[in-house]
């Protein structure tokens, strides 16, 4: 992980703790990353997650929602 990714990881944890009862889900697929402040239990919920071609891109989208 580079410094930007470490900072994003810390920010995601902070938001999860402060606003979402600690819930944070990070998923990596072959072609993208998905991040959300909930635990998806159905496939449709995975589609609702912030998505990006990299961890940083997905994290920034999740943090901006």
N, C-alpha and C. Protein backbone atom coordinates (compact mmCIF):
# COMPACT_ATOMS: atom_id res chain seq x y z
N UNK A 1 0.84 -1.19 0.00
CA UNK A 1 0.00 0.00 0.00
C UNK A 1 0.89 1.24 0.00
N UNK A 2 0.45 2.22 -0.76
CA UNK A 2 1.18 3.48 -0.74
C UNK A 2 0.57 4.41 0.32
N UNK A 3 1.16 5.59 0.50
CA UNK A 3 0.70 6.50 1.54
C UNK A 3 -0.75 6.94 1.34
N UNK A 4 -1.14 7.21 0.10
CA UNK A 4 -2.53 7.62 -0.18
C UNK A 4 -3.50 6.51 0.23
N UNK A 5 -3.18 5.28 -0.11
CA UNK A 5 -4.07 4.17 0.23
C UNK A 5 -4.15 3.96 1.74
N UNK A 6 -3.05 4.14 2.43
CA UNK A 6 -3.06 4.02 3.89
C UNK A 6 -3.94 5.10 4.50
N UNK A 7 -3.83 6.32 4.00
CA UNK A 7 -4.67 7.41 4.48
C UNK A 7 -6.14 7.13 4.21
N UNK A 8 -6.46 6.64 3.03
CA UNK A 8 -7.85 6.31 2.69
C UNK A 8 -8.38 5.20 3.59
N UNK A 9 -7.55 4.19 3.86
CA UNK A 9 -7.95 3.10 4.75
C UNK A 9 -8.30 3.65 6.13
N UNK A 10 -7.47 4.54 6.65
CA UNK A 10 -7.73 5.14 7.97
C UNK A 10 -9.02 5.95 7.95
N UNK A 11 -9.24 6.72 6.88
CA UNK A 11 -10.46 7.52 6.77
C UNK A 11 -11.70 6.63 6.68
N UNK A 12 -11.62 5.55 5.92
CA UNK A 12 -12.74 4.61 5.82
C UNK A 12 -13.08 4.04 7.19
N UNK A 13 -12.07 3.63 7.94
CA UNK A 13 -12.30 3.08 9.28
C UNK A 13 -12.94 4.12 10.20
N UNK A 14 -12.47 5.35 10.12
CA UNK A 14 -13.00 6.41 10.97
C UNK A 14 -14.48 6.67 10.66
N UNK A 15 -14.82 6.78 9.38
CA UNK A 15 -16.21 6.99 8.99
C UNK A 15 -17.07 5.80 9.41
N UNK A 16 -16.56 4.60 9.20
CA UNK A 16 -17.31 3.40 9.60
C UNK A 16 -17.60 3.43 11.09
N UNK A 17 -16.61 3.76 11.89
CA UNK A 17 -16.78 3.79 13.34
C UNK A 17 -17.72 4.90 13.79
N UNK A 18 -17.57 6.07 13.20
CA UNK A 18 -18.33 7.24 13.64
C UNK A 18 -19.77 7.28 13.12
N UNK A 19 -20.00 6.75 11.92
CA UNK A 19 -21.31 6.94 11.30
C UNK A 19 -22.07 5.66 10.96
N UNK A 20 -21.39 4.50 11.00
CA UNK A 20 -22.03 3.28 10.51
C UNK A 20 -21.85 2.10 11.46
N UNK A 21 -21.73 2.39 12.73
CA UNK A 21 -21.61 1.34 13.75
C UNK A 21 -20.47 0.37 13.45
N UNK A 22 -19.42 0.89 12.80
CA UNK A 22 -18.25 0.08 12.51
C UNK A 22 -18.31 -0.76 11.25
N UNK A 23 -19.42 -0.69 10.52
CA UNK A 23 -19.57 -1.53 9.32
C UNK A 23 -18.77 -0.98 8.15
N UNK A 24 -17.94 -1.85 7.57
CA UNK A 24 -17.14 -1.50 6.40
C UNK A 24 -16.88 -2.78 5.61
N UNK A 25 -17.26 -2.77 4.35
CA UNK A 25 -17.02 -3.92 3.49
C UNK A 25 -16.16 -3.48 2.31
N UNK A 26 -15.08 -4.20 2.06
CA UNK A 26 -14.20 -3.94 0.93
C UNK A 26 -14.08 -5.24 0.15
N UNK A 27 -14.39 -5.16 -1.14
CA UNK A 27 -14.33 -6.35 -1.99
C UNK A 27 -13.45 -6.05 -3.21
N UNK A 28 -12.60 -7.00 -3.55
CA UNK A 28 -11.78 -6.87 -4.76
C UNK A 28 -12.17 -7.98 -5.72
N UNK A 29 -12.47 -7.58 -6.94
CA UNK A 29 -12.80 -8.52 -8.00
C UNK A 29 -11.70 -8.45 -9.06
N UNK A 30 -11.83 -9.23 -10.08
CA UNK A 30 -10.81 -9.25 -11.14
C UNK A 30 -10.66 -7.89 -11.80
N UNK A 31 -11.77 -7.19 -12.01
CA UNK A 31 -11.72 -5.93 -12.76
C UNK A 31 -12.00 -4.68 -11.95
N UNK A 32 -12.43 -4.81 -10.69
CA UNK A 32 -12.72 -3.60 -9.92
C UNK A 32 -12.73 -3.88 -8.42
N UNK A 33 -12.88 -2.81 -7.67
CA UNK A 33 -13.02 -2.84 -6.22
C UNK A 33 -14.39 -2.30 -5.88
N UNK A 34 -14.96 -2.75 -4.75
CA UNK A 34 -16.23 -2.23 -4.26
C UNK A 34 -16.10 -1.99 -2.76
N UNK A 35 -16.67 -0.86 -2.32
CA UNK A 35 -16.57 -0.49 -0.91
C UNK A 35 -17.91 0.05 -0.44
N UNK A 36 -18.32 -0.34 0.77
CA UNK A 36 -19.58 0.15 1.34
C UNK A 36 -19.49 0.14 2.86
N UNK A 37 -20.37 0.90 3.46
CA UNK A 37 -20.47 0.96 4.91
C UNK A 37 -21.64 0.11 5.39
N UNK A 38 -21.82 -1.03 4.76
CA UNK A 38 -22.81 -2.03 5.15
C UNK A 38 -22.30 -3.39 4.69
N UNK A 39 -22.94 -4.44 5.15
CA UNK A 39 -22.58 -5.79 4.75
C UNK A 39 -23.61 -6.28 3.75
N UNK A 40 -23.23 -6.43 2.49
CA UNK A 40 -24.20 -6.89 1.50
C UNK A 40 -24.59 -8.35 1.75
N UNK A 41 -25.87 -8.61 1.67
CA UNK A 41 -26.35 -9.98 1.86
C UNK A 41 -27.00 -10.52 0.59
N UNK A 42 -27.24 -9.65 -0.37
CA UNK A 42 -27.81 -10.06 -1.65
C UNK A 42 -26.97 -9.46 -2.78
N UNK A 43 -26.97 -10.11 -3.90
CA UNK A 43 -26.18 -9.67 -5.04
C UNK A 43 -26.51 -8.23 -5.45
N UNK A 44 -27.77 -7.85 -5.35
CA UNK A 44 -28.18 -6.50 -5.72
C UNK A 44 -27.48 -5.45 -4.86
N UNK A 45 -27.22 -5.80 -3.62
CA UNK A 45 -26.55 -4.86 -2.72
C UNK A 45 -25.10 -4.64 -3.12
N UNK A 46 -24.47 -5.62 -3.72
CA UNK A 46 -23.11 -5.45 -4.21
C UNK A 46 -23.10 -4.37 -5.30
N UNK A 47 -24.14 -4.35 -6.11
CA UNK A 47 -24.25 -3.34 -7.17
C UNK A 47 -24.39 -1.94 -6.60
N UNK A 48 -24.89 -1.80 -5.37
CA UNK A 48 -25.08 -0.50 -4.73
C UNK A 48 -23.78 0.06 -4.14
N UNK A 49 -22.77 -0.77 -4.03
CA UNK A 49 -21.51 -0.35 -3.41
C UNK A 49 -20.74 0.60 -4.32
N UNK A 50 -19.93 1.48 -3.71
CA UNK A 50 -19.05 2.35 -4.49
C UNK A 50 -18.07 1.46 -5.25
N UNK A 51 -17.85 1.80 -6.52
CA UNK A 51 -17.01 0.96 -7.37
C UNK A 51 -15.90 1.79 -7.99
N UNK A 52 -14.74 1.16 -8.17
CA UNK A 52 -13.63 1.83 -8.83
C UNK A 52 -12.66 0.82 -9.41
N UNK A 53 -11.87 1.27 -10.34
CA UNK A 53 -10.87 0.41 -10.95
C UNK A 53 -9.68 0.14 -10.04
N UNK A 54 -9.60 0.91 -8.95
CA UNK A 54 -8.54 0.73 -7.96
C UNK A 54 -9.14 0.89 -6.57
N UNK A 55 -8.41 0.47 -5.55
CA UNK A 55 -8.87 0.68 -4.18
C UNK A 55 -9.08 2.16 -3.92
N UNK A 56 -8.14 2.99 -4.33
CA UNK A 56 -8.22 4.43 -4.07
C UNK A 56 -9.46 5.03 -4.73
N UNK A 57 -9.74 4.66 -5.96
CA UNK A 57 -10.90 5.20 -6.67
C UNK A 57 -12.20 4.81 -5.96
N UNK A 58 -12.33 3.56 -5.57
CA UNK A 58 -13.54 3.10 -4.89
C UNK A 58 -13.65 3.75 -3.51
N UNK A 59 -12.54 3.89 -2.80
CA UNK A 59 -12.56 4.50 -1.47
C UNK A 59 -12.99 5.96 -1.54
N UNK A 60 -12.46 6.69 -2.50
CA UNK A 60 -12.85 8.08 -2.65
C UNK A 60 -14.34 8.23 -2.95
N UNK A 61 -14.86 7.35 -3.78
CA UNK A 61 -16.31 7.38 -4.07
C UNK A 61 -17.12 7.05 -2.83
N UNK A 62 -16.69 6.05 -2.06
CA UNK A 62 -17.43 5.68 -0.84
C UNK A 62 -17.41 6.82 0.16
N UNK A 63 -16.28 7.50 0.27
CA UNK A 63 -16.16 8.61 1.21
C UNK A 63 -16.94 9.83 0.78
N UNK A 64 -17.19 9.97 -0.51
CA UNK A 64 -17.90 11.15 -1.01
C UNK A 64 -19.42 10.99 -0.94
N UNK A 65 -19.90 9.77 -0.75
CA UNK A 65 -21.36 9.54 -0.68
C UNK A 65 -21.93 10.05 0.62
